[in-house]
Amino acid sequence: MMADPAMPILVVDDYQTMVRIISNLLKQIGFTNVDEASNGADAFEKIRTGSYGLIISDWNMQPVTGFELLQKVKADPSLAETPFIMVTAESKTDNVIAARKAGVSSYIVKPFNAQTLKAKIDAVFAARAA
């Protein structure tokens, strides 16, 4: 199962330039319905009131980190199945393990390009179909 190019995607990062970069990469690979949030708290409100097919979130944000956002999403039965890709500049093994245990769908280390993003999204949706 490939990802639906019209599915709503939420991009969460407190660095507006990074939100713009990820949104542009998503558009380059064919996704047209991209929403954004500037921190984990705003994102969780949007997630609870909206319906997203994928969440792409930075790890390091304040006041709610991407990891805390991941935990909140996975703890909510109505949201737990939503695919969640964590983006970070750090590739610390402990962070990757913690994110996996919390239920992250995939993990991308910055910087990355459109091909890497597409490959991660494709892998997430292929795993869901299996």
C-alpha atoms as a PDB file:
ATOM      1  CA  MET A   1       0.000   0.000   0.000  1.00  0.00           C
ATOM      2  CA  MET A   2       1.452   3.309  -1.039  1.00  0.00           C
ATOM      3  CA  ALA A   3       0.676   6.495   0.805  1.00  0.00           C
ATOM      4  CA  ASP A   4      -2.248   8.491  -0.575  1.00  0.00           C
ATOM      5  CA  PRO A   5      -0.817  11.752  -1.997  1.00  0.00           C
ATOM      6  CA  ALA A   6      -3.973  13.595  -0.839  1.00  0.00           C
ATOM      7  CA  MET A   7      -3.798  12.385   2.781  1.00  0.00           C
ATOM      8  CA  PRO A   8      -3.411  15.161   5.354  1.00  0.00           C
ATOM      9  CA  ILE A   9       0.110  15.347   6.780  1.00  0.00           C
ATOM     10  CA  LEU A  10       1.073  17.358   9.858  1.00  0.00           C
ATOM     11  CA  VAL A  11       4.624  18.737   9.971  1.00  0.00           C
ATOM     12  CA  VAL A  12       5.725  19.792  13.465  1.00  0.00           C
ATOM     13  CA  ASP A  13       8.888  21.822  14.116  1.00  0.00           C
ATOM     14  CA  ASP A  14       9.595  24.917  16.177  1.00  0.00           C
ATOM     15  CA  TYR A  15      12.010  26.132  13.497  1.00  0.00           C
ATOM     16  CA  GLN A  16       9.818  27.674  10.779  1.00  0.00           C
ATOM     17  CA  THR A  17      12.501  27.241   8.114  1.00  0.00           C
ATOM     18  CA  MET A  18      12.556  23.489   8.753  1.00  0.00           C
ATOM     19  CA  VAL A  19       8.749  23.312   8.509  1.00  0.00           C
ATOM     20  CA  ARG A  20       8.990  25.054   5.134  1.00  0.00           C
ATOM     21  CA  ILE A  21      11.784  22.711   3.949  1.00  0.00           C
ATOM     22  CA  ILE A  22       9.871  19.549   4.931  1.00  0.00           C
ATOM     23  CA  SER A  23       6.629  20.897   3.452  1.00  0.00           C
ATOM     24  CA  ASN A  24       8.420  21.669   0.172  1.00  0.00           C
ATOM     25  CA  LEU A  25      10.012  18.195   0.102  1.00  0.00           C
ATOM     26  CA  LEU A  26       6.580  16.640   0.648  1.00  0.00           C
ATOM     27  CA  LYS A  27       5.190  18.678  -2.238  1.00  0.00           C
ATOM     28  CA  GLN A  28       8.146  17.628  -4.439  1.00  0.00           C
ATOM     29  CA  ILE A  29       7.282  13.974  -3.879  1.00  0.00           C
ATOM     30  CA  GLY A  30       3.596  14.534  -4.591  1.00  0.00           C
ATOM     31  CA  PHE A  31       1.857  15.245  -1.277  1.00  0.00           C
ATOM     32  CA  THR A  32      -0.591  18.130  -1.526  1.00  0.00           C
ATOM     33  CA  ASN A  33      -2.345  18.339   1.852  1.00  0.00           C
ATOM     34  CA  VAL A  34       0.315  19.566   4.302  1.00  0.00           C
ATOM     35  CA  ASP A  35      -0.526  21.274   7.594  1.00  0.00           C
ATOM     36  CA  GLU A  36       1.936  22.598  10.154  1.00  0.00           C
ATOM     37  CA  ALA A  37       2.391  23.234  13.847  1.00  0.00           C
ATOM     38  CA  SER A  38       5.202  25.098  15.600  1.00  0.00           C
ATOM     39  CA  ASN A  39       5.432  22.929  18.715  1.00  0.00           C
ATOM     40  CA  GLY A  40       4.190  19.703  20.265  1.00  0.00           C
ATOM     41  CA  ALA A  41       1.398  21.355  22.266  1.00  0.00           C
ATOM     42  CA  ASP A  42      -0.105  23.067  19.193  1.00  0.00           C
ATOM     43  CA  ALA A  43       0.357  19.859  17.210  1.00  0.00           C
ATOM     44  CA  PHE A  44      -1.515  17.748  19.748  1.00  0.00           C
ATOM     45  CA  GLU A  45      -4.479  20.140  19.653  1.00  0.00           C
ATOM     46  CA  LYS A  46      -4.547  19.920  15.849  1.00  0.00           C
ATOM     47  CA  ILE A  47      -4.203  16.128  15.936  1.00  0.00           C
ATOM     48  CA  ARG A  48      -7.086  15.769  18.399  1.00  0.00           C
ATOM     49  CA  THR A  49      -9.404  17.954  16.340  1.00  0.00           C
ATOM     50  CA  GLY A  50      -8.206  16.984  12.849  1.00  0.00           C
ATOM     51  CA  SER A  51      -7.565  13.772  11.021  1.00  0.00           C
ATOM     52  CA  TYR A  52      -4.019  13.211   9.805  1.00  0.00           C
ATOM     53  CA  GLY A  53      -2.719  10.298   7.788  1.00  0.00           C
ATOM     54  CA  LEU A  54       0.874  10.991   8.872  1.00  0.00           C
ATOM     55  CA  ILE A  55       2.694  13.076  11.471  1.00  0.00           C
ATOM     56  CA  ILE A  56       6.269  14.218  10.849  1.00  0.00           C
ATOM     57  CA  SER A  57       7.737  15.812  13.962  1.00  0.00           C
ATOM     58  CA  ASP A  58      11.037  17.244  15.113  1.00  0.00           C
ATOM     59  CA  TRP A  59      12.403  15.785  18.361  1.00  0.00           C
ATOM     60  CA  ASN A  60      13.783  18.950  19.992  1.00  0.00           C
ATOM     61  CA  MET A  61      11.026  21.468  20.691  1.00  0.00           C
ATOM     62  CA  GLN A  62       9.647  23.401  23.634  1.00  0.00           C
ATOM     63  CA  PRO A  63       7.383  23.313  25.637  1.00  0.00           C
ATOM     64  CA  VAL A  64       6.359  19.827  24.401  1.00  0.00           C
ATOM     65  CA  THR A  65       9.075  17.814  22.647  1.00  0.00           C
ATOM     66  CA  GLY A  66       8.480  15.599  19.648  1.00  0.00           C
ATOM     67  CA  PHE A  67       9.111  12.589  21.862  1.00  0.00           C
ATOM     68  CA  GLU A  68       6.442  13.753  24.333  1.00  0.00           C
ATOM     69  CA  LEU A  69       4.090  14.366  21.407  1.00  0.00           C
ATOM     70  CA  LEU A  70       4.771  10.823  20.159  1.00  0.00           C
ATOM     71  CA  GLN A  71       3.966   9.426  23.619  1.00  0.00           C
ATOM     72  CA  LYS A  72       0.701  11.409  23.789  1.00  0.00           C
ATOM     73  CA  VAL A  73      -0.386  10.281  20.312  1.00  0.00           C
ATOM     74  CA  LYS A  74       0.416   6.617  20.974  1.00  0.00           C
ATOM     75  CA  ALA A  75      -1.323   6.733  24.388  1.00  0.00           C
ATOM     76  CA  ASP A  76      -4.594   7.909  22.823  1.00  0.00           C
ATOM     77  CA  PRO A  77      -6.494   4.900  21.421  1.00  0.00           C
ATOM     78  CA  SER A  78      -8.160   7.011  18.742  1.00  0.00           C
ATOM     79  CA  LEU A  79      -4.774   8.293  17.497  1.00  0.00           C
ATOM     80  CA  ALA A  80      -2.408   5.404  18.261  1.00  0.00           C
ATOM     81  CA  GLU A  81      -2.508   3.964  14.740  1.00  0.00           C
ATOM     82  CA  THR A  82      -1.459   7.245  13.105  1.00  0.00           C
ATOM     83  CA  PRO A  83       1.954   6.814  11.435  1.00  0.00           C
ATOM     84  CA  PHE A  84       4.570   9.024  13.099  1.00  0.00           C
ATOM     85  CA  ILE A  85       7.989   9.883  11.670  1.00  0.00           C
ATOM     86  CA  MET A  86      10.493  11.508  14.025  1.00  0.00           C
ATOM     87  CA  VAL A  87      13.007  13.966  12.582  1.00  0.00           C
ATOM     88  CA  THR A  88      16.126  14.982  14.471  1.00  0.00           C
ATOM     89  CA  ALA A  89      19.627  16.341  14.024  1.00  0.00           C
ATOM     90  CA  GLU A  90      20.895  13.798  16.551  1.00  0.00           C
ATOM     91  CA  SER A  91      21.357  10.114  15.819  1.00  0.00           C
ATOM     92  CA  LYS A  92      21.894   9.057  19.443  1.00  0.00           C
ATOM     93  CA  THR A  93      21.226   5.348  19.794  1.00  0.00           C
ATOM     94  CA  ASP A  94      19.372   5.940  23.075  1.00  0.00           C
ATOM     95  CA  ASN A  95      16.959   8.339  21.343  1.00  0.00           C
ATOM     96  CA  VAL A  96      16.310   5.934  18.481  1.00  0.00           C
ATOM     97  CA  ILE A  97      15.632   3.089  20.950  1.00  0.00           C
ATOM     98  CA  ALA A  98      13.363   5.275  23.105  1.00  0.00           C
ATOM     99  CA  ALA A  99      11.397   6.418  20.049  1.00  0.00           C
ATOM    100  CA  ARG A 100      11.020   2.822  18.804  1.00  0.00           C
ATOM    101  CA  LYS A 101       9.768   1.690  22.209  1.00  0.00           C
ATOM    102  CA  ALA A 102       7.273   4.573  22.223  1.00  0.00           C
ATOM    103  CA  GLY A 103       5.889   3.436  18.878  1.00  0.00           C
ATOM    104  CA  VAL A 104       7.541   5.688  16.284  1.00  0.00           C
ATOM    105  CA  SER A 105       6.986   4.477  12.717  1.00  0.00           C
ATOM    106  CA  SER A 106      10.318   5.736  11.390  1.00  0.00           C
ATOM    107  CA  TYR A 107      13.224   8.003  12.229  1.00  0.00           C
ATOM    108  CA  ILE A 108      15.036  10.468   9.939  1.00  0.00           C
ATOM    109  CA  VAL A 109      18.294  12.243  10.771  1.00  0.00           C
ATOM    110  CA  LYS A 110      18.756  15.767   9.397  1.00  0.00           C
ATOM    111  CA  PRO A 111      19.811  16.775   6.840  1.00  0.00           C
ATOM    112  CA  PHE A 112      17.814  14.671   4.389  1.00  0.00           C
ATOM    113  CA  ASN A 113      16.482  15.003   0.864  1.00  0.00           C
ATOM    114  CA  ALA A 114      13.217  14.265  -0.936  1.00  0.00           C
ATOM    115  CA  GLN A 115      14.326  10.740  -1.879  1.00  0.00           C
ATOM    116  CA  THR A 116      15.093   9.854   1.739  1.00  0.00           C
ATOM    117  CA  LEU A 117      11.768  11.277   2.914  1.00  0.00           C
ATOM    118  CA  LYS A 118       9.880   9.401   0.184  1.00  0.00           C
ATOM    119  CA  ALA A 119      11.687   6.147   1.028  1.00  0.00           C
ATOM    120  CA  LYS A 120      10.812   6.507   4.732  1.00  0.00           C
ATOM    121  CA  ILE A 121       7.148   7.304   4.006  1.00  0.00           C
ATOM    122  CA  ASP A 122       6.897   4.413   1.516  1.00  0.00           C
ATOM    123  CA  ALA A 123       8.454   2.029   4.058  1.00  0.00           C
ATOM    124  CA  VAL A 124       6.033   3.136   6.795  1.00  0.00           C
ATOM    125  CA  PHE A 125       2.987   2.536   4.601  1.00  0.00           C
ATOM    126  CA  ALA A 126       4.365  -0.734   3.195  1.00  0.00           C
ATOM    127  CA  ALA A 127       4.821  -2.016   6.765  1.00  0.00           C
ATOM    128  CA  ARG A 128       1.251  -0.995   7.635  1.00  0.00           C
ATOM    129  CA  ALA A 129      -0.095  -2.955   4.666  1.00  0.00           C
ATOM    130  CA  ALA A 130       1.835  -6.088   5.595  1.00  0.00           C
END
